C-alpha cells in the first residue's frame, strides 16, 4: 500500500507558511521527519519536499535553514 505521508507533509507545510508566511528550519525538520518515519523517503515525499523548498524566500535562508536544506538534499538524493 502506498504511503500517504506526503499528504500530511503538504498540509503541515501549508500550516507553517500560513501562520507567519515563512518556514523555518525547525518546521522543515518536522516535515522531513514525517517523510522519514516509515524508513524511506518515497517519490511523492521527495516531490513535496522539493516543492516546499522551491517556495522559500531569501529571508528564510538563515544559517539554520541552510543546514537543514543540506540535510534534506543529502537525504533525498540518497533515496
PDB file of N, CA and C in Angstrom:
ATOM      1  N   UNK A   1       0.839  -1.182   0.000  1.00  0.00           N
ATOM      2  CA  UNK A   1       0.000   0.000   0.000  1.00  0.00           C
ATOM      3  C   UNK A   1       0.884   1.246   0.000  1.00  0.00           C
ATOM      4  N   UNK A   2       0.520   2.213  -0.806  1.00  0.00           N
ATOM      5  CA  UNK A   2       1.301   3.438  -0.928  1.00  0.00           C
ATOM      6  C   UNK A   2       1.114   4.331   0.299  1.00  0.00           C
ATOM      7  N   UNK A   3       2.205   4.899   0.751  1.00  0.00           N
ATOM      8  CA  UNK A   3       2.184   5.810   1.888  1.00  0.00           C
ATOM      9  C   UNK A   3       1.441   7.091   1.517  1.00  0.00           C
ATOM     10  N   UNK A   4       0.710   7.609   2.462  1.00  0.00           N
ATOM     11  CA  UNK A   4       0.001   8.885   2.283  1.00  0.00           C
ATOM     12  C   UNK A   4       0.666   9.996   3.102  1.00  0.00           C
ATOM     13  N   UNK A   5       1.875   9.731   3.588  1.00  0.00           N
ATOM     14  CA  UNK A   5       2.582  10.729   4.393  1.00  0.00           C
ATOM     15  C   UNK A   5       2.774  12.039   3.640  1.00  0.00           C
ATOM     16  N   UNK A   6       2.895  11.955   2.325  1.00  0.00           N
ATOM     17  CA  UNK A   6       3.109  13.180   1.547  1.00  0.00           C
ATOM     18  C   UNK A   6       1.930  14.140   1.695  1.00  0.00           C
ATOM     19  N   UNK A   7       0.727  13.609   1.908  1.00  0.00           N
ATOM     20  CA  UNK A   7      -0.436  14.474   2.118  1.00  0.00           C
ATOM     21  C   UNK A   7      -0.316  15.221   3.447  1.00  0.00           C
ATOM     22  N   UNK A   8       0.124  14.520   4.480  1.00  0.00           N
ATOM     23  CA  UNK A   8       0.341  15.171   5.772  1.00  0.00           C
ATOM     24  C   UNK A   8       1.451  16.213   5.665  1.00  0.00           C
ATOM     25  N   UNK A   9       2.508  15.881   4.921  1.00  0.00           N
ATOM     26  CA  UNK A   9       3.610  16.833   4.730  1.00  0.00           C
ATOM     27  C   UNK A   9       3.099  18.108   4.061  1.00  0.00           C
ATOM     28  N   UNK A  10       2.283  17.946   3.030  1.00  0.00           N
ATOM     29  CA  UNK A  10       1.720  19.105   2.321  1.00  0.00           C
ATOM     30  C   UNK A  10       0.876  19.957   3.256  1.00  0.00           C
ATOM     31  N   UNK A  11       0.013  19.293   4.020  1.00  0.00           N
ATOM     32  CA  UNK A  11      -0.841  20.004   4.964  1.00  0.00           C
ATOM     33  C   UNK A  11      -0.013  20.764   5.990  1.00  0.00           C
ATOM     34  N   UNK A  12       1.005  20.108   6.548  1.00  0.00           N
ATOM     35  CA  UNK A  12       1.862  20.773   7.545  1.00  0.00           C
ATOM     36  C   UNK A  12       2.589  21.976   6.948  1.00  0.00           C
ATOM     37  N   UNK A  13       3.040  21.852   5.707  1.00  0.00           N
ATOM     38  CA  UNK A  13       3.747  22.981   5.093  1.00  0.00           C
ATOM     39  C   UNK A  13       2.806  24.162   4.889  1.00  0.00           C
ATOM     40  N   UNK A  14       1.563  23.870   4.514  1.00  0.00           N
ATOM     41  CA  UNK A  14       0.576  24.939   4.358  1.00  0.00           C
ATOM     42  C   UNK A  14       0.356  25.643   5.690  1.00  0.00           C
ATOM     43  N   UNK A  15       0.235  24.869   6.761  1.00  0.00           N
ATOM     44  CA  UNK A  15       0.078  25.452   8.097  1.00  0.00           C
ATOM     45  C   UNK A  15       1.261  26.349   8.451  1.00  0.00           C
ATOM     46  N   UNK A  16       2.475  25.862   8.189  1.00  0.00           N
ATOM     47  CA  UNK A  16       3.684  26.621   8.533  1.00  0.00           C
ATOM     48  C   UNK A  16       3.766  27.927   7.757  1.00  0.00           C
ATOM     49  N   UNK A  17       3.543  27.849   6.450  1.00  0.00           N
ATOM     50  CA  UNK A  17       3.625  29.056   5.635  1.00  0.00           C
ATOM     51  C   UNK A  17       2.496  30.030   5.970  1.00  0.00           C
ATOM     52  N   UNK A  18       1.340  29.517   6.329  1.00  0.00           N
ATOM     53  CA  UNK A  18       0.212  30.414   6.567  1.00  0.00           C
ATOM     54  C   UNK A  18       0.234  31.052   7.950  1.00  0.00           C
ATOM     55  N   UNK A  19       0.908  30.427   8.925  1.00  0.00           N
ATOM     56  CA  UNK A  19       0.869  31.015  10.265  1.00  0.00           C
ATOM     57  C   UNK A  19       1.674  32.307  10.360  1.00  0.00           C
ATOM     58  N   UNK A  20       2.804  32.398   9.671  1.00  0.00           N
ATOM     59  CA  UNK A  20       3.564  33.652   9.670  1.00  0.00           C
ATOM     60  C   UNK A  20       4.135  33.995   8.300  1.00  0.00           C
ATOM     61  N   UNK A  21       3.755  33.224   7.288  1.00  0.00           N
ATOM     62  CA  UNK A  21       4.217  33.485   5.931  1.00  0.00           C
ATOM     63  C   UNK A  21       5.588  32.931   5.611  1.00  0.00           C
ATOM     64  N   UNK A  22       6.208  32.299   6.611  1.00  0.00           N
ATOM     65  CA  UNK A  22       7.567  31.788   6.430  1.00  0.00           C
ATOM     66  C   UNK A  22       7.682  30.368   6.950  1.00  0.00           C
ATOM     67  N   UNK A  23       8.743  29.720   6.523  1.00  0.00           N
ATOM     68  CA  UNK A  23       9.075  28.391   7.012  1.00  0.00           C
ATOM     69  C   UNK A  23      10.449  28.486   7.658  1.00  0.00           C
ATOM     70  N   UNK A  24      10.593  27.931   8.852  1.00  0.00           N
ATOM     71  CA  UNK A  24      11.915  27.943   9.478  1.00  0.00           C
ATOM     72  C   UNK A  24      12.493  26.529   9.491  1.00  0.00           C
ATOM     73  N   UNK A  25      13.739  26.425   9.895  1.00  0.00           N
ATOM     74  CA  UNK A  25      14.456  25.146   9.850  1.00  0.00           C
ATOM     75  C   UNK A  25      13.780  24.089  10.725  1.00  0.00           C
ATOM     76  N   UNK A  26      13.282  24.486  11.865  1.00  0.00           N
ATOM     77  CA  UNK A  26      12.610  23.532  12.757  1.00  0.00           C
ATOM     78  C   UNK A  26      11.347  22.978  12.099  1.00  0.00           C
ATOM     79  N   UNK A  27      10.583  23.843  11.447  1.00  0.00           N
ATOM     80  CA  UNK A  27       9.365  23.393  10.763  1.00  0.00           C
ATOM     81  C   UNK A  27       9.703  22.452   9.611  1.00  0.00           C
ATOM     82  N   UNK A  28      10.720  22.793   8.842  1.00  0.00           N
ATOM     83  CA  UNK A  28      11.140  21.917   7.748  1.00  0.00           C
ATOM     84  C   UNK A  28      11.631  20.581   8.307  1.00  0.00           C
ATOM     85  N   UNK A  29      12.308  20.610   9.440  1.00  0.00           N
ATOM     86  CA  UNK A  29      12.759  19.379  10.083  1.00  0.00           C
ATOM     87  C   UNK A  29      11.602  18.485  10.481  1.00  0.00           C
ATOM     88  N   UNK A  30      10.518  19.084  10.977  1.00  0.00           N
ATOM     89  CA  UNK A  30       9.340  18.292  11.342  1.00  0.00           C
ATOM     90  C   UNK A  30       8.682  17.684  10.105  1.00  0.00           C
ATOM     91  N   UNK A  31       8.678  18.415   9.007  1.00  0.00           N
ATOM     92  CA  UNK A  31       8.113  17.888   7.760  1.00  0.00           C
ATOM     93  C   UNK A  31       8.990  16.745   7.243  1.00  0.00           C
ATOM     94  N   UNK A  32      10.302  16.905   7.310  1.00  0.00           N
ATOM     95  CA  UNK A  32      11.219  15.844   6.911  1.00  0.00           C
ATOM     96  C   UNK A  32      11.006  14.596   7.776  1.00  0.00           C
ATOM     97  N   UNK A  33      10.768  14.786   9.060  1.00  0.00           N
ATOM     98  CA  UNK A  33      10.549  13.651   9.966  1.00  0.00           C
ATOM     99  C   UNK A  33       9.323  12.838   9.557  1.00  0.00           C
ATOM    100  N   UNK A  34       8.299  13.491   9.040  1.00  0.00           N
ATOM    101  CA  UNK A  34       7.118  12.773   8.549  1.00  0.00           C
ATOM    102  C   UNK A  34       7.529  11.864   7.396  1.00  0.00           C
ATOM    103  N   UNK A  35       8.352  12.383   6.490  1.00  0.00           N
ATOM    104  CA  UNK A  35       8.810  11.592   5.344  1.00  0.00           C
ATOM    105  C   UNK A  35       9.647  10.399   5.781  1.00  0.00           C
ATOM    106  N   UNK A  36      10.418  10.577   6.847  1.00  0.00           N
ATOM    107  CA  UNK A  36      11.352   9.528   7.287  1.00  0.00           C
ATOM    108  C   UNK A  36      10.741   8.489   8.212  1.00  0.00           C
ATOM    109  N   UNK A  37       9.579   8.733   8.745  1.00  0.00           N
ATOM    110  CA  UNK A  37       9.087   7.869   9.817  1.00  0.00           C
ATOM    111  C   UNK A  37       8.820   6.428   9.403  1.00  0.00           C
ATOM    112  N   UNK A  38       8.607   6.165   8.117  1.00  0.00           N
ATOM    113  CA  UNK A  38       8.410   4.774   7.683  1.00  0.00           C
ATOM    114  C   UNK A  38       9.704   4.134   7.188  1.00  0.00           C
ATOM    115  N   UNK A  39      10.816   4.851   7.329  1.00  0.00           N
ATOM    116  CA  UNK A  39      12.109   4.280   6.986  1.00  0.00           C
ATOM    117  C   UNK A  39      12.593   4.576   5.584  1.00  0.00           C
ATOM    118  N   UNK A  40      11.747   5.196   4.751  1.00  0.00           N
ATOM    119  CA  UNK A  40      12.208   5.576   3.414  1.00  0.00           C
ATOM    120  C   UNK A  40      11.466   6.821   2.945  1.00  0.00           C
ATOM    121  N   UNK A  41      12.136   7.580   2.127  1.00  0.00           N
ATOM    122  CA  UNK A  41      11.534   8.769   1.546  1.00  0.00           C
ATOM    123  C   UNK A  41      11.163   8.416   0.111  1.00  0.00           C
ATOM    124  N   UNK A  42       9.852   8.326  -0.151  1.00  0.00           N
ATOM    125  CA  UNK A  42       9.399   7.893  -1.480  1.00  0.00           C
ATOM    126  C   UNK A  42       9.303   9.062  -2.452  1.00  0.00           C
ATOM    127  N   UNK A  43       8.973   8.744  -3.701  1.00  0.00           N
ATOM    128  CA  UNK A  43       8.971   9.776  -4.748  1.00  0.00           C
ATOM    129  C   UNK A  43       7.951  10.880  -4.478  1.00  0.00           C
ATOM    130  N   UNK A  44       6.796  10.566  -3.877  1.00  0.00           N
ATOM    131  CA  UNK A  44       5.812  11.610  -3.556  1.00  0.00           C
ATOM    132  C   UNK A  44       6.333  12.533  -2.467  1.00  0.00           C
ATOM    133  N   UNK A  45       7.003  11.968  -1.481  1.00  0.00           N
ATOM    134  CA  UNK A  45       7.562  12.777  -0.404  1.00  0.00           C
ATOM    135  C   UNK A  45       8.688  13.668  -0.924  1.00  0.00           C
ATOM    136  N   UNK A  46       9.507  13.142  -1.826  1.00  0.00           N
ATOM    137  CA  UNK A  46      10.569  13.943  -2.440  1.00  0.00           C
ATOM    138  C   UNK A  46       9.962  15.094  -3.236  1.00  0.00           C
ATOM    139  N   UNK A  47       8.909  14.803  -3.969  1.00  0.00           N
ATOM    140  CA  UNK A  47       8.230  15.839  -4.766  1.00  0.00           C
ATOM    141  C   UNK A  47       7.718  16.954  -3.853  1.00  0.00           C
ATOM    142  N   UNK A  48       7.095  16.580  -2.737  1.00  0.00           N
ATOM    143  CA  UNK A  48       6.575  17.573  -1.799  1.00  0.00           C
ATOM    144  C   UNK A  48       7.718  18.382  -1.182  1.00  0.00           C
ATOM    145  N   UNK A  49       8.785  17.712  -0.767  1.00  0.00           N
ATOM    146  CA  UNK A  49       9.930  18.436  -0.197  1.00  0.00           C
ATOM    147  C   UNK A  49      10.517  19.428  -1.194  1.00  0.00           C
ATOM    148  N   UNK A  50      10.677  19.014  -2.427  1.00  0.00           N
ATOM    149  CA  UNK A  50      11.215  19.924  -3.454  1.00  0.00           C
ATOM    150  C   UNK A  50      10.286  21.101  -3.684  1.00  0.00           C
ATOM    151  N   UNK A  51       8.990  20.843  -3.674  1.00  0.00           N
ATOM    152  CA  UNK A  51       8.015  21.917  -3.854  1.00  0.00           C
ATOM    153  C   UNK A  51       8.098  22.910  -2.698  1.00  0.00           C
ATOM    154  N   UNK A  52       8.180  22.409  -1.479  1.00  0.00           N
ATOM    155  CA  UNK A  52       8.302  23.272  -0.305  1.00  0.00           C
ATOM    156  C   UNK A  52       9.567  24.125  -0.407  1.00  0.00           C
ATOM    157  N   UNK A  53      10.674  23.501  -0.739  1.00  0.00           N
ATOM    158  CA  UNK A  53      11.948  24.212  -0.836  1.00  0.00           C
ATOM    159  C   UNK A  53      11.897  25.283  -1.919  1.00  0.00           C
ATOM    160  N   UNK A  54      11.210  24.999  -3.011  1.00  0.00           N
ATOM    161  CA  UNK A  54      11.128  25.980  -4.109  1.00  0.00           C
ATOM    162  C   UNK A  54      10.373  27.240  -3.706  1.00  0.00           C
ATOM    163  N   UNK A  55       9.601  27.174  -2.639  1.00  0.00           N
ATOM    164  CA  UNK A  55       8.811  28.325  -2.187  1.00  0.00           C
ATOM    165  C   UNK A  55       9.528  29.198  -1.159  1.00  0.00           C
ATOM    166  N   UNK A  56      10.703  28.780  -0.736  1.00  0.00           N
ATOM    167  CA  UNK A  56      11.450  29.552   0.254  1.00  0.00           C
ATOM    168  C   UNK A  56      11.914  30.874  -0.340  1.00  0.00           C
ATOM    169  N   UNK A  57      11.916  31.888   0.496  1.00  0.00           N
ATOM    170  CA  UNK A  57      12.401  33.205   0.078  1.00  0.00           C
ATOM    171  C   UNK A  57      13.802  33.424   0.640  1.00  0.00           C
ATOM    172  N   UNK A  58      14.548  34.363   0.085  1.00  0.00           N
ATOM    173  CA  UNK A  58      15.892  34.638   0.600  1.00  0.00           C
ATOM    174  C   UNK A  58      15.909  34.966   2.099  1.00  0.00           C
ATOM    175  N   UNK A  59      14.852  35.607   2.597  1.00  0.00           N
ATOM    176  CA  UNK A  59      14.788  35.961   4.015  1.00  0.00           C
ATOM    177  C   UNK A  59      14.740  34.727   4.921  1.00  0.00           C
ATOM    178  N   UNK A  60      14.292  33.614   4.388  1.00  0.00           N
ATOM    179  CA  UNK A  60      14.185  32.395   5.182  1.00  0.00           C
ATOM    180  C   UNK A  60      15.489  31.600   5.224  1.00  0.00           C
ATOM    181  N   UNK A  61      16.459  31.969   4.410  1.00  0.00           N
ATOM    182  CA  UNK A  61      17.676  31.177   4.248  1.00  0.00           C
ATOM    183  C   UNK A  61      18.774  31.573   5.226  1.00  0.00           C
ATOM    184  N   UNK A  62      18.440  31.536   6.514  1.00  0.00           N
ATOM    185  CA  UNK A  62      19.458  31.804   7.528  1.00  0.00           C
ATOM    186  C   UNK A  62      20.358  30.574   7.673  1.00  0.00           C
ATOM    187  N   UNK A  63      21.305  30.634   8.580  1.00  0.00           N
ATOM    188  CA  UNK A  63      22.270  29.539   8.737  1.00  0.00           C
ATOM    189  C   UNK A  63      21.585  28.225   9.114  1.00  0.00           C
ATOM    190  N   UNK A  64      20.599  28.282  10.007  1.00  0.00           N
ATOM    191  CA  UNK A  64      19.889  27.063  10.409  1.00  0.00           C
ATOM    192  C   UNK A  64      19.151  26.449   9.226  1.00  0.00           C
ATOM    193  N   UNK A  65      18.491  27.295   8.430  1.00  0.00           N
ATOM    194  CA  UNK A  65      17.754  26.784   7.275  1.00  0.00           C
ATOM    195  C   UNK A  65      18.718  26.215   6.242  1.00  0.00           C
ATOM    196  N   UNK A  66      19.847  26.853   6.025  1.00  0.00           N
ATOM    197  CA  UNK A  66      20.811  26.323   5.057  1.00  0.00           C
ATOM    198  C   UNK A  66      21.322  24.958   5.500  1.00  0.00           C
ATOM    199  N   UNK A  67      21.558  24.784   6.797  1.00  0.00           N
ATOM    200  CA  UNK A  67      21.988  23.478   7.312  1.00  0.00           C
ATOM    201  C   UNK A  67      20.884  22.441   7.116  1.00  0.00           C
ATOM    202  N   UNK A  68      19.630  22.824   7.367  1.00  0.00           N
ATOM    203  CA  UNK A  68      18.516  21.902   7.183  1.00  0.00           C
ATOM    204  C   UNK A  68      18.338  21.566   5.698  1.00  0.00           C
ATOM    205  N   UNK A  69      18.511  22.539   4.831  1.00  0.00           N
ATOM    206  CA  UNK A  69      18.401  22.279   3.391  1.00  0.00           C
ATOM    207  C   UNK A  69      19.457  21.285   2.928  1.00  0.00           C
ATOM    208  N   UNK A  70      20.666  21.397   3.478  1.00  0.00           N
ATOM    209  CA  UNK A  70      21.714  20.427   3.131  1.00  0.00           C
ATOM    210  C   UNK A  70      21.312  19.037   3.600  1.00  0.00           C
ATOM    211  N   UNK A  71      20.759  18.949   4.805  1.00  0.00           N
ATOM    212  CA  UNK A  71      20.315  17.660   5.336  1.00  0.00           C
ATOM    213  C   UNK A  71      19.224  17.058   4.443  1.00  0.00           C
ATOM    214  N   UNK A  72      18.245  17.869   4.060  1.00  0.00           N
ATOM    215  CA  UNK A  72      17.173  17.394   3.177  1.00  0.00           C
ATOM    216  C   UNK A  72      17.758  16.955   1.844  1.00  0.00           C
ATOM    217  N   UNK A  73      18.613  17.785   1.278  1.00  0.00           N
ATOM    218  CA  UNK A  73      19.236  17.468  -0.015  1.00  0.00           C
ATOM    219  C   UNK A  73      19.964  16.128   0.052  1.00  0.00           C
ATOM    220  N   UNK A  74      20.762  15.941   1.091  1.00  0.00           N
ATOM    221  CA  UNK A  74      21.520  14.696   1.242  1.00  0.00           C
ATOM    222  C   UNK A  74      20.587  13.492   1.347  1.00  0.00           C
ATOM    223  N   UNK A  75      19.495  13.641   2.073  1.00  0.00           N
ATOM    224  CA  UNK A  75      18.565  12.536   2.273  1.00  0.00           C
ATOM    225  C   UNK A  75      17.776  12.208   1.005  1.00  0.00           C
ATOM    226  N   UNK A  76      17.313  13.224   0.295  1.00  0.00           N
ATOM    227  CA  UNK A  76      16.508  12.911  -0.886  1.00  0.00           C
ATOM    228  C   UNK A  76      17.358  12.445  -2.058  1.00  0.00           C
ATOM    229  N   UNK A  77      18.616  12.815  -2.060  1.00  0.00           N
ATOM    230  CA  UNK A  77      19.488  12.331  -3.125  1.00  0.00           C
ATOM    231  C   UNK A  77      20.051  10.952  -2.818  1.00  0.00           C
ATOM    232  N   UNK A  78      19.914  10.511  -1.550  1.00  0.00           N
ATOM    233  CA  UNK A  78      20.328   9.159  -1.184  1.00  0.00           C
ATOM    234  C   UNK A  78      19.204   8.154  -1.410  1.00  0.00           C
ATOM    235  N   UNK A  79      17.977   8.664  -1.588  1.00  0.00           N
ATOM    236  CA  UNK A  79      16.812   7.780  -1.770  1.00  0.00           C
ATOM    237  C   UNK A  79      16.743   7.211  -3.158  1.00  0.00           C
TER     238      UNK A  79
END
